[in-house]
C-alpha atoms as a PDB file:
ATOM      1  CA  MET A   1      75.424 -94.626  22.172  1.00  0.00           C
ATOM      2  CA  ASN A   2      74.250 -97.882  23.715  1.00  0.00           C
ATOM      3  CA  ILE A   3      72.014 -96.672  26.571  1.00  0.00           C
ATOM      4  CA  LEU A   4      71.334-100.179  27.876  1.00  0.00           C
ATOM      5  CA  GLN A   5      75.038-100.947  28.194  1.00  0.00           C
ATOM      6  CA  TYR A   6      75.950 -97.577  29.675  1.00  0.00           C
ATOM      7  CA  ASN A   7      73.163 -97.607  32.292  1.00  0.00           C
ATOM      8  CA  ARG A   8      74.091-101.181  33.222  1.00  0.00           C
ATOM      9  CA  LYS A   9      77.586-100.010  34.107  1.00  0.00           C
ATOM     10  CA  ALA A  10      76.206 -96.934  35.864  1.00  0.00           C
ATOM     11  CA  TRP A  11      73.984 -99.029  38.119  1.00  0.00           C
ATOM     12  CA  ASP A  12      76.777-101.493  38.816  1.00  0.00           C
ATOM     13  CA  THR A  13      78.756 -98.444  39.936  1.00  0.00           C
ATOM     14  CA  ALA A  14      75.848 -97.301  42.114  1.00  0.00           C
ATOM     15  CA  VAL A  15      75.956-100.658  43.909  1.00  0.00           C
ATOM     16  CA  ALA A  16      79.674-100.258  44.544  1.00  0.00           C
ATOM     17  CA  ARG A  17      79.005 -96.771  45.939  1.00  0.00           C
ATOM     18  CA  GLY A  18      76.221 -97.977  48.237  1.00  0.00           C
ATOM     19  CA  SER A  19      73.329 -96.007  46.714  1.00  0.00           C
ATOM     20  CA  GLU A  20      70.202 -96.234  48.871  1.00  0.00           C
ATOM     21  CA  TRP A  21      68.386 -98.033  46.031  1.00  0.00           C
ATOM     22  CA  THR A  22      70.985-100.821  46.043  1.00  0.00           C
ATOM     23  CA  VAL A  23      71.115-101.733  49.744  1.00  0.00           C
ATOM     24  CA  PRO A  24      69.423-105.088  50.469  1.00  0.00           C
ATOM     25  CA  VAL A  25      66.825-105.444  53.208  1.00  0.00           C
ATOM     26  CA  GLY A  26      67.953-106.831  56.534  1.00  0.00           C
ATOM     27  CA  GLU A  27      67.074-110.073  58.297  1.00  0.00           C
ATOM     28  CA  GLU A  28      64.472-108.360  60.477  1.00  0.00           C
ATOM     29  CA  VAL A  29      62.517-107.192  57.413  1.00  0.00           C
ATOM     30  CA  ILE A  30      62.399-110.732  56.022  1.00  0.00           C
ATOM     31  CA  ALA A  31      61.391-112.186  59.394  1.00  0.00           C
ATOM     32  CA  ALA A  32      58.511-109.721  59.631  1.00  0.00           C
ATOM     33  CA  ALA A  33      57.385-110.472  56.056  1.00  0.00           C
ATOM     34  CA  ARG A  34      57.230-114.174  56.868  1.00  0.00           C
ATOM     35  CA  CYS A  35      54.793-113.261  59.653  1.00  0.00           C
ATOM     36  CA  GLY A  36      52.614-111.177  57.331  1.00  0.00           C
ATOM     37  CA  GLU A  37      54.045-107.790  58.327  1.00  0.00           C
ATOM     38  CA  TRP A  38      55.506-106.272  55.202  1.00  0.00           C
ATOM     39  CA  ARG A  39      55.401-103.321  52.847  1.00  0.00           C
ATOM     40  CA  ILE A  40      57.251-102.206  49.735  1.00  0.00           C
ATOM     41  CA  ILE A  41      57.634 -98.898  47.907  1.00  0.00           C
ATOM     42  CA  LEU A  42      57.443 -98.020  44.217  1.00  0.00           C
ATOM     43  CA  THR A  43      58.330 -94.366  44.828  1.00  0.00           C
ATOM     44  CA  PRO A  44      60.705 -92.847  47.396  1.00  0.00           C
ATOM     45  CA  THR A  45      58.589 -92.839  50.562  1.00  0.00           C
ATOM     46  CA  ARG A  46      54.946 -93.892  50.308  1.00  0.00           C
ATOM     47  CA  PRO A  47      54.171 -97.611  50.810  1.00  0.00           C
ATOM     48  CA  VAL A  48      52.052 -99.356  48.200  1.00  0.00           C
ATOM     49  CA  PRO A  49      48.497 -99.915  49.522  1.00  0.00           C
ATOM     50  CA  ARG A  50      48.044-103.518  50.630  1.00  0.00           C
ATOM     51  CA  ASP A  51      44.778-103.787  48.721  1.00  0.00           C
ATOM     52  CA  TRP A  52      46.781-103.392  45.499  1.00  0.00           C
ATOM     53  CA  PHE A  53      48.108-106.910  46.158  1.00  0.00           C
ATOM     54  CA  PRO A  54      46.301-110.270  46.280  1.00  0.00           C
ATOM     55  CA  SER A  55      45.034-110.934  49.800  1.00  0.00           C
ATOM     56  CA  ASP A  56      47.332-113.973  49.971  1.00  0.00           C
ATOM     57  CA  LEU A  57      50.642-113.985  48.105  1.00  0.00           C
ATOM     58  CA  THR A  58      51.225-117.713  48.570  1.00  0.00           C
ATOM     59  CA  GLY A  59      52.031-119.196  45.183  1.00  0.00           C
ATOM     60  CA  VAL A  60      51.467-115.913  43.312  1.00  0.00           C
ATOM     61  CA  ASP A  61      53.880-115.566  40.377  1.00  0.00           C
ATOM     62  CA  VAL A  62      55.508-112.138  40.687  1.00  0.00           C
ATOM     63  CA  LEU A  63      57.851-110.362  38.296  1.00  0.00           C
ATOM     64  CA  CYS A  64      59.906-107.587  39.886  1.00  0.00           C
ATOM     65  CA  LEU A  65      60.594-105.594  36.737  1.00  0.00           C
ATOM     66  CA  ALA A  66      63.734-103.425  36.682  1.00  0.00           C
ATOM     67  CA  SER A  67      63.624-103.950  40.435  1.00  0.00           C
ATOM     68  CA  GLY A  68      67.013-105.292  41.433  1.00  0.00           C
ATOM     69  CA  GLY A  69      68.754-104.262  44.632  1.00  0.00           C
ATOM     70  CA  GLY A  70      67.532-106.792  47.163  1.00  0.00           C
ATOM     71  CA  GLN A  71      64.563-104.701  48.289  1.00  0.00           C
ATOM     72  CA  GLN A  72      61.100-105.482  46.843  1.00  0.00           C
ATOM     73  CA  GLY A  73      61.725-109.000  45.535  1.00  0.00           C
ATOM     74  CA  PRO A  74      62.977-110.639  48.741  1.00  0.00           C
ATOM     75  CA  VAL A  75      60.156-109.102  50.793  1.00  0.00           C
ATOM     76  CA  LEU A  76      57.494-110.491  48.450  1.00  0.00           C
ATOM     77  CA  ALA A  77      59.215-113.875  48.372  1.00  0.00           C
ATOM     78  CA  ALA A  78      59.260-113.968  52.165  1.00  0.00           C
ATOM     79  CA  ALA A  79      55.533-113.170  52.112  1.00  0.00           C
ATOM     80  CA  GLY A  80      54.946-116.321  50.049  1.00  0.00           C
ATOM     81  CA  ALA A  81      55.181-115.259  46.407  1.00  0.00           C
ATOM     82  CA  THR A  82      57.178-117.045  43.721  1.00  0.00           C
ATOM     83  CA  VAL A  83      59.424-114.190  42.614  1.00  0.00           C
ATOM     84  CA  THR A  84      61.485-113.459  39.525  1.00  0.00           C
ATOM     85  CA  VAL A  85      63.645-110.337  39.676  1.00  0.00           C
ATOM     86  CA  PHE A  86      64.480-108.921  36.231  1.00  0.00           C
ATOM     87  CA  ASP A  87      67.068-106.147  35.958  1.00  0.00           C
ATOM     88  CA  ASN A  88      69.684-104.689  33.635  1.00  0.00           C
ATOM     89  CA  SER A  89      72.404-104.565  36.300  1.00  0.00           C
ATOM     90  CA  PRO A  90      74.274-107.742  37.323  1.00  0.00           C
ATOM     91  CA  ALA A  91      75.378-106.071  40.532  1.00  0.00           C
ATOM     92  CA  GLN A  92      71.797-105.170  41.441  1.00  0.00           C
ATOM     93  CA  LEU A  93      70.686-108.747  40.794  1.00  0.00           C
ATOM     94  CA  ALA A  94      73.513-109.994  42.998  1.00  0.00           C
ATOM     95  CA  GLN A  95      71.931-108.087  45.892  1.00  0.00           C
ATOM     96  CA  ASP A  96      68.707-110.066  45.451  1.00  0.00           C
ATOM     97  CA  ARG A  97      70.599-113.353  45.310  1.00  0.00           C
ATOM     98  CA  LEU A  98      72.479-112.364  48.452  1.00  0.00           C
ATOM     99  CA  VAL A  99      69.229-112.005  50.395  1.00  0.00           C
ATOM    100  CA  ALA A 100      67.666-115.099  48.806  1.00  0.00           C
ATOM    101  CA  GLU A 101      70.628-117.274  49.727  1.00  0.00           C
ATOM    102  CA  ARG A 102      70.896-115.771  53.208  1.00  0.00           C
ATOM    103  CA  GLU A 103      67.204-116.313  53.930  1.00  0.00           C
ATOM    104  CA  GLY A 104      66.405-119.405  51.839  1.00  0.00           C
ATOM    105  CA  LEU A 105      63.863-117.622  49.640  1.00  0.00           C
ATOM    106  CA  ASN A 106      62.091-118.832  46.500  1.00  0.00           C
ATOM    107  CA  LEU A 107      63.545-116.199  44.171  1.00  0.00           C
ATOM    108  CA  ARG A 108      65.339-116.267  40.839  1.00  0.00           C
ATOM    109  CA  THR A 109      67.107-113.495  38.945  1.00  0.00           C
ATOM    110  CA  VAL A 110      67.219-112.763  35.206  1.00  0.00           C
ATOM    111  CA  GLU A 111      69.351-110.090  33.529  1.00  0.00           C
ATOM    112  CA  GLY A 112      67.886-108.103  30.651  1.00  0.00           C
ATOM    113  CA  ASP A 113      66.259-105.022  29.160  1.00  0.00           C
ATOM    114  CA  MET A 114      62.914-104.026  30.735  1.00  0.00           C
ATOM    115  CA  ALA A 115      61.601-103.265  27.232  1.00  0.00           C
ATOM    116  CA  ASP A 116      62.322-106.826  26.057  1.00  0.00           C
ATOM    117  CA  LEU A 117      60.789-109.626  28.130  1.00  0.00           C
ATOM    118  CA  SER A 118      61.264-112.297  25.455  1.00  0.00           C
ATOM    119  CA  ALA A 119      62.797-114.507  28.149  1.00  0.00           C
ATOM    120  CA  PHE A 120      59.220-115.092  29.359  1.00  0.00           C
ATOM    121  CA  ASP A 121      56.205-116.662  27.672  1.00  0.00           C
ATOM    122  CA  ASP A 122      52.868-114.919  27.331  1.00  0.00           C
ATOM    123  CA  ALA A 123      50.698-114.920  30.468  1.00  0.00           C
ATOM    124  CA  THR A 124      53.486-116.027  32.843  1.00  0.00           C
ATOM    125  CA  PHE A 125      52.884-113.752  35.829  1.00  0.00           C
ATOM    126  CA  ASP A 126      50.013-112.789  38.132  1.00  0.00           C
ATOM    127  CA  LEU A 127      51.647-109.584  39.346  1.00  0.00           C
ATOM    128  CA  ILE A 128      54.385-107.229  38.158  1.00  0.00           C
ATOM    129  CA  VAL A 129      56.121-104.831  40.540  1.00  0.00           C
ATOM    130  CA  HIS A 130      57.839-102.043  38.622  1.00  0.00           C
ATOM    131  CA  PRO A 131      59.380 -99.370  40.884  1.00  0.00           C
ATOM    132  CA  CYS A 132      60.507 -95.990  39.598  1.00  0.00           C
ATOM    133  CA  SER A 133      62.944 -97.186  36.912  1.00  0.00           C
ATOM    134  CA  ASN A 134      61.497 -96.569  33.458  1.00  0.00           C
ATOM    135  CA  LEU A 135      63.179 -93.152  33.488  1.00  0.00           C
ATOM    136  CA  PHE A 136      66.264 -95.082  32.368  1.00  0.00           C
ATOM    137  CA  VAL A 137      64.826 -96.147  28.977  1.00  0.00           C
ATOM    138  CA  PRO A 138      64.370 -93.836  25.964  1.00  0.00           C
ATOM    139  CA  ASP A 139      60.939 -95.269  25.035  1.00  0.00           C
ATOM    140  CA  VAL A 140      58.557 -96.447  27.743  1.00  0.00           C
ATOM    141  CA  ARG A 141      55.749 -97.828  25.585  1.00  0.00           C
ATOM    142  CA  PRO A 142      57.525-101.132  24.829  1.00  0.00           C
ATOM    143  CA  VAL A 143      57.849-101.634  28.587  1.00  0.00           C
ATOM    144  CA  TRP A 144      54.055-101.461  28.992  1.00  0.00           C
ATOM    145  CA  ARG A 145      53.410-103.701  25.976  1.00  0.00           C
ATOM    146  CA  GLU A 146      55.800-106.365  27.207  1.00  0.00           C
ATOM    147  CA  ALA A 147      54.451-106.166  30.756  1.00  0.00           C
ATOM    148  CA  SER A 148      50.910-106.633  29.479  1.00  0.00           C
ATOM    149  CA  ARG A 149      51.972-109.568  27.330  1.00  0.00           C
ATOM    150  CA  VAL A 150      53.554-111.529  30.183  1.00  0.00           C
ATOM    151  CA  LEU A 151      50.676-110.811  32.599  1.00  0.00           C
ATOM    152  CA  ARG A 152      47.817-113.252  32.939  1.00  0.00           C
ATOM    153  CA  PRO A 153      44.326-111.839  32.300  1.00  0.00           C
ATOM    154  CA  GLY A 154      43.218-110.079  35.464  1.00  0.00           C
ATOM    155  CA  GLY A 155      46.825-109.694  36.607  1.00  0.00           C
ATOM    156  CA  ALA A 156      48.198-106.307  37.574  1.00  0.00           C
ATOM    157  CA  ILE A 157      51.295-104.172  37.179  1.00  0.00           C
ATOM    158  CA  LEU A 158      52.121-101.848  40.068  1.00  0.00           C
ATOM    159  CA  ALA A 159      54.318 -99.108  38.649  1.00  0.00           C
ATOM    160  CA  GLY A 160      56.094 -96.042  39.978  1.00  0.00           C
ATOM    161  CA  PHE A 161      57.386 -93.268  37.720  1.00  0.00           C
ATOM    162  CA  MET A 162      58.376 -89.615  37.633  1.00  0.00           C
ATOM    163  CA  ASN A 163      55.931 -86.830  36.976  1.00  0.00           C
ATOM    164  CA  PRO A 164      57.434 -85.367  33.778  1.00  0.00           C
ATOM    165  CA  ALA A 165      57.110 -81.850  35.205  1.00  0.00           C
ATOM    166  CA  PHE A 166      60.308 -82.631  37.110  1.00  0.00           C
ATOM    167  CA  TYR A 167      62.295 -82.597  33.878  1.00  0.00           C
ATOM    168  CA  ILE A 168      61.313 -79.191  32.531  1.00  0.00           C
ATOM    169  CA  PHE A 169      63.573 -77.390  35.029  1.00  0.00           C
ATOM    170  CA  ASP A 170      67.297 -76.734  34.896  1.00  0.00           C
ATOM    171  CA  GLN A 171      68.625 -79.437  37.226  1.00  0.00           C
ATOM    172  CA  GLY A 172      71.765 -77.603  38.286  1.00  0.00           C
ATOM    173  CA  MET A 173      69.726 -74.599  39.407  1.00  0.00           C
ATOM    174  CA  ALA A 174      67.108 -76.833  41.052  1.00  0.00           C
ATOM    175  CA  ASP A 175      69.863 -78.452  43.100  1.00  0.00           C
ATOM    176  CA  GLN A 176      70.549 -74.959  44.445  1.00  0.00           C
ATOM    177  CA  GLY A 177      66.858 -74.425  45.260  1.00  0.00           C
ATOM    178  CA  GLU A 178      65.960 -72.282  42.238  1.00  0.00           C
ATOM    179  CA  LEU A 179      63.377 -73.472  39.715  1.00  0.00           C
ATOM    180  CA  LYS A 180      63.869 -72.237  36.171  1.00  0.00           C
ATOM    181  CA  VAL A 181      62.010 -73.748  33.237  1.00  0.00           C
ATOM    182  CA  ARG A 182      64.509 -74.845  30.607  1.00  0.00           C
ATOM    183  CA  HIS A 183      63.519 -78.080  28.862  1.00  0.00           C
ATOM    184  CA  LYS A 184      60.679 -79.318  26.662  1.00  0.00           C
ATOM    185  CA  LEU A 185      59.005 -82.700  27.078  1.00  0.00           C
ATOM    186  CA  PRO A 186      59.681 -85.461  26.423  1.00  0.00           C
ATOM    187  CA  TYR A 187      63.061 -84.988  28.079  1.00  0.00           C
ATOM    188  CA  SER A 188      66.309 -86.817  27.302  1.00  0.00           C
ATOM    189  CA  ASP A 189      69.745 -86.525  28.890  1.00  0.00           C
ATOM    190  CA  LEU A 190      71.049 -87.365  25.416  1.00  0.00           C
ATOM    191  CA  HIS A 191      69.351 -84.518  23.575  1.00  0.00           C
ATOM    192  CA  SER A 192      68.224 -81.950  26.169  1.00  0.00           C
ATOM    193  CA  LEU A 193      71.598 -81.360  27.836  1.00  0.00           C
ATOM    194  CA  THR A 194      74.648 -79.700  26.379  1.00  0.00           C
ATOM    195  CA  PRO A 195      77.471 -82.095  25.434  1.00  0.00           C
ATOM    196  CA  GLN A 196      79.495 -80.756  28.361  1.00  0.00           C
ATOM    197  CA  GLU A 197      76.667 -81.353  30.852  1.00  0.00           C
ATOM    198  CA  ARG A 198      76.069 -84.850  29.552  1.00  0.00           C
ATOM    199  CA  GLN A 199      79.764 -85.667  29.678  1.00  0.00           C
ATOM    200  CA  GLY A 200      79.870 -84.510  33.287  1.00  0.00           C
ATOM    201  CA  TYR A 201      77.162 -87.038  34.181  1.00  0.00           C
ATOM    202  CA  MET A 202      78.975 -89.762  32.297  1.00  0.00           C
ATOM    203  CA  ASP A 203      82.372 -88.971  33.808  1.00  0.00           C
ATOM    204  CA  ASP A 204      80.719 -89.518  37.194  1.00  0.00           C
ATOM    205  CA  MET A 205      78.986 -92.688  35.903  1.00  0.00           C
ATOM    206  CA  GLN A 206      75.508 -91.336  36.642  1.00  0.00           C
ATOM    207  CA  PRO A 207      72.682 -93.202  34.861  1.00  0.00           C
ATOM    208  CA  LEU A 208      71.246 -91.312  31.905  1.00  0.00           C
ATOM    209  CA  GLU A 209      67.571 -90.376  32.307  1.00  0.00           C
ATOM    210  CA  PHE A 210      64.521 -89.770  30.138  1.00  0.00           C
ATOM    211  CA  GLY A 211      61.390 -87.840  31.120  1.00  0.00           C
ATOM    212  CA  HIS A 212      58.369 -89.500  29.506  1.00  0.00           C
ATOM    213  CA  THR A 213      55.088 -87.697  28.957  1.00  0.00           C
ATOM    214  CA  LEU A 214      51.973 -88.686  30.890  1.00  0.00           C
ATOM    215  CA  GLU A 215      50.478 -89.731  27.563  1.00  0.00           C
ATOM    216  CA  ASP A 216      53.213 -92.344  27.289  1.00  0.00           C
ATOM    217  CA  GLN A 217      53.259 -93.278  30.984  1.00  0.00           C
ATOM    218  CA  ILE A 218      49.496 -93.572  31.540  1.00  0.00           C
ATOM    219  CA  GLY A 219      48.141 -93.616  28.004  1.00  0.00           C
ATOM    220  CA  GLY A 220      50.790 -96.181  27.122  1.00  0.00           C
ATOM    221  CA  GLN A 221      49.452 -98.532  29.782  1.00  0.00           C
ATOM    222  CA  ILE A 222      45.894 -98.108  28.549  1.00  0.00           C
ATOM    223  CA  ASP A 223      46.969 -98.697  24.946  1.00  0.00           C
ATOM    224  CA  ALA A 224      48.716-101.895  26.081  1.00  0.00           C
ATOM    225  CA  GLY A 225      45.429-103.251  27.437  1.00  0.00           C
ATOM    226  CA  LEU A 226      45.806-102.218  31.069  1.00  0.00           C
ATOM    227  CA  ALA A 227      42.957-100.577  32.978  1.00  0.00           C
ATOM    228  CA  ILE A 228      44.195 -98.005  35.512  1.00  0.00           C
ATOM    229  CA  CYS A 229      42.521 -99.085  38.746  1.00  0.00           C
ATOM    230  CA  GLY A 230      44.723 -97.342  41.295  1.00  0.00           C
ATOM    231  CA  PHE A 231      46.666 -94.077  41.505  1.00  0.00           C
ATOM    232  CA  TYR A 232      48.617 -92.087  44.081  1.00  0.00           C
ATOM    233  CA  GLU A 233      51.377 -89.490  44.237  1.00  0.00           C
ATOM    234  CA  ASP A 234      54.497 -89.169  46.354  1.00  0.00           C
ATOM    235  CA  GLY A 235      57.150 -86.563  47.114  1.00  0.00           C
ATOM    236  CA  TRP A 236      60.771 -86.595  48.165  1.00  0.00           C
ATOM    237  CA  GLU A 237      62.058 -84.216  50.795  1.00  0.00           C
ATOM    238  CA  GLY A 238      64.957 -82.067  49.714  1.00  0.00           C
ATOM    239  CA  MET A 239      63.991 -81.703  46.060  1.00  0.00           C
ATOM    240  CA  ALA A 240      63.066 -78.130  45.129  1.00  0.00           C
ATOM    241  CA  LEU A 241      59.979 -79.007  43.086  1.00  0.00           C
ATOM    242  CA  ALA A 242      58.668 -81.234  45.881  1.00  0.00           C
ATOM    243  CA  GLU A 243      57.949 -78.099  47.910  1.00  0.00           C
ATOM    244  CA  TYR A 244      55.194 -77.276  45.434  1.00  0.00           C
ATOM    245  CA  MET A 245      53.854 -80.573  44.072  1.00  0.00           C
ATOM    246  CA  PRO A 246      54.270 -84.338  44.263  1.00  0.00           C
ATOM    247  CA  ILE A 247      56.855 -85.452  41.726  1.00  0.00           C
ATOM    248  CA  PHE A 248      56.285 -89.208  41.731  1.00  0.00           C
ATOM    249  CA  ILE A 249      53.270 -91.182  40.553  1.00  0.00           C
ATOM    250  CA  ALA A 250      52.213 -94.776  41.180  1.00  0.00           C
ATOM    251  CA  THR A 251      49.569 -96.671  39.238  1.00  0.00           C
ATOM    252  CA  ARG A 252      47.895-100.053  39.399  1.00  0.00           C
ATOM    253  CA  GLY A 253      47.165-101.297  35.890  1.00  0.00           C
ATOM    254  CA  VAL A 254      45.011-104.419  35.535  1.00  0.00           C
ATOM    255  CA  LYS A 255      45.205-106.502  32.370  1.00  0.00           C
ATOM    256  CA  CYS A 256      41.845-106.597  30.648  1.00  0.00           C
ATOM    257  CA  GLU A 257      40.353-109.920  29.678  1.00  0.00           C
ATOM    258  CA  ALA A 258      40.442-108.850  26.038  1.00  0.00           C
ATOM    259  CA  VAL A 259      42.145-105.954  24.272  1.00  0.00           C
ATOM    260  CA  HIS A 260      40.002-104.201  21.656  1.00  0.00           C
END
């Protein structure tokens, strides 16, 4: 099946349903960002450290990668950055345009596949913000290669992603508070679930997910010429596994001057 097309429709549906990851920031958030008081998240709860960003965002070229929804992009634009929001979902991108038009922000939107950034030339951006979204692509390594290509030397990608341990458990049982190991890694909704389980997700228009190994998430960045210079973990209250370990990871990968 065409994962890109299906997940586009699923995220458009999430916007219509008012998912928390699709609700644009309010006027007060933008006003505060214009005064230098701002924060964004890559994972569910923990703000990105401010020292992961340039000290002054004025004129910094930022790509918000698979980051539609009117959340990160408008905040960074209000803080002075020149922002491009790139996302697979037209409805998610519409949320960013809504805030940009409402607040008069320097922000543009581009629709596309996070694993294909051919819309952009090499060395176009100083900073990439990539919240927890690469779980929606079957292969994450092209995402890192393309991100590295469009970054300028010394630029950074700030990325959030799932700890793959999350995907080894039976999700239906985990939703009931019981953890039972069921799946091998890497995980895929396409291949790890029964046809009936997968069809249930699709009947409800839930995005299909993929659990990438740490070798692909972290090693893939290194192989793409990115030096991991920052790392933290995050949880999410209400998830069974979160009672025992953090289930989200964030990294700061800096593009090396030369890739050997």
